Amino acid sequence: MRNPWMSIAFNAWMLGIEAATVIGLRTLKLVAGGAAAETEARRMVSEKNEAVLTLQGMAVTGGLGFTVPAVAAKTLTHYRRKVRANSRRLAKR
């Protein structure tokens, strides 16, 4: 049998790396100041709220699964998708 926790651990590690990249890109944008920095700060907060509310909705409706590994894997997938989208968007500018 395959151990699901190995894949989960790898995805958690990748999420950490991707999140660190986004933090760096966002920091550069915020340090530059101006209207773009204010927009990014507001966007960051609203995206975080939206991501957690979506995840809570999935948890309540059973969308995350019913086993601990399934919940962990789907939670990481949810956040990695959001972080990757931010990374691509911030790297463009």
Protein backbone atom coordinates (compact mmCIF):
# COMPACT_ATOMS: atom_id res chain seq x y z
CA MET A 1 0.00 0.00 0.00
CA ARG A 2 1.10 3.53 -0.72
CA ASN A 3 1.51 5.88 2.21
CA PRO A 4 -0.69 8.96 1.55
CA TRP A 5 1.29 11.03 4.04
CA MET A 6 4.36 11.11 1.81
CA SER A 7 2.42 12.93 -0.90
CA ILE A 8 0.82 15.21 1.70
CA ALA A 9 4.21 16.04 3.17
CA PHE A 10 5.59 16.87 -0.28
CA ASN A 11 2.59 19.11 -1.04
CA ALA A 12 2.99 20.88 2.31
CA TRP A 13 6.66 21.46 1.56
CA MET A 14 5.82 22.82 -1.90
CA LEU A 15 3.15 25.08 -0.42
CA GLY A 16 5.76 26.51 1.92
CA ILE A 17 8.15 27.24 -0.93
CA GLU A 18 5.42 28.76 -3.11
CA ALA A 19 4.10 30.85 -0.20
CA ALA A 20 7.59 32.18 0.52
CA THR A 21 7.86 33.26 -3.12
CA VAL A 22 4.53 35.06 -2.95
CA ILE A 23 5.52 36.74 0.31
CA GLY A 24 8.69 38.03 -1.32
CA LEU A 25 6.87 39.28 -4.42
CA ARG A 26 4.17 40.95 -2.35
CA THR A 27 6.74 42.56 -0.06
CA LEU A 28 8.45 44.13 -3.06
CA LYS A 29 5.13 45.48 -4.28
CA LEU A 30 4.14 46.83 -0.85
CA VAL A 31 7.53 48.45 -0.26
CA ALA A 32 7.19 50.33 -3.56
CA GLY A 33 4.12 52.04 -2.12
CA GLY A 34 1.49 53.95 -4.01
CA ALA A 35 -1.92 52.94 -5.26
CA ALA A 36 -0.68 49.54 -6.48
CA ALA A 37 0.56 48.69 -2.98
CA GLU A 38 -2.73 49.70 -1.40
CA THR A 39 -4.67 47.64 -3.94
CA GLU A 40 -2.39 44.64 -3.30
CA ALA A 41 -2.82 44.92 0.47
CA ARG A 42 -6.60 44.99 0.16
CA ARG A 43 -6.53 42.14 -2.33
CA MET A 44 -4.32 40.05 -0.04
CA VAL A 45 -6.76 40.35 2.88
CA SER A 46 -9.86 39.71 0.77
CA GLU A 47 -8.25 36.66 -0.91
CA LYS A 48 -7.32 35.17 2.44
CA ASN A 49 -10.86 35.64 3.74
CA GLU A 50 -12.36 34.16 0.59
CA ALA A 51 -10.01 31.15 0.66
CA VAL A 52 -10.79 30.27 4.26
CA LEU A 53 -14.55 30.72 3.83
CA THR A 54 -14.52 28.52 0.73
CA LEU A 55 -12.56 25.87 2.61
CA GLN A 56 -14.99 26.01 5.55
CA GLY A 57 -17.89 25.55 3.15
CA MET A 58 -16.19 22.53 1.66
CA ALA A 59 -15.61 21.09 5.13
CA VAL A 60 -19.24 21.54 6.17
CA THR A 61 -20.61 19.94 3.01
CA GLY A 62 -18.17 17.02 3.00
CA GLY A 63 -16.26 18.36 0.03
CA LEU A 64 -12.94 17.69 1.73
CA GLY A 65 -13.63 14.01 2.24
CA PHE A 66 -14.11 11.99 5.37
CA THR A 67 -10.67 10.67 6.21
CA VAL A 68 -7.81 12.64 7.73
CA PRO A 69 -5.49 12.11 4.75
CA ALA A 70 -8.22 13.17 2.31
CA VAL A 71 -8.96 16.35 4.27
CA ALA A 72 -5.27 17.19 4.52
CA ALA A 73 -4.64 16.56 0.82
CA LYS A 74 -7.64 18.57 -0.37
CA THR A 75 -6.85 21.43 1.99
CA LEU A 76 -3.30 21.65 0.66
CA THR A 77 -4.54 21.45 -2.92
CA HIS A 78 -6.99 24.28 -2.24
CA TYR A 79 -4.34 26.59 -0.81
CA ARG A 80 -1.66 25.64 -3.35
CA ARG A 81 -4.00 26.57 -6.18
CA LYS A 82 -4.56 30.02 -4.64
CA VAL A 83 -0.87 30.57 -3.92
CA ARG A 84 0.20 29.51 -7.43
CA ALA A 85 -2.32 31.92 -8.97
CA ASN A 86 -0.88 34.74 -6.87
CA SER A 87 2.65 33.77 -7.78
CA ARG A 88 1.89 33.87 -11.50
CA ARG A 89 0.04 37.17 -11.20
CA LEU A 90 2.72 38.89 -9.13
CA ALA A 91 5.59 37.61 -11.26
CA LYS A 92 4.10 39.24 -14.37
CA ARG A 93 4.64 42.74 -13.07
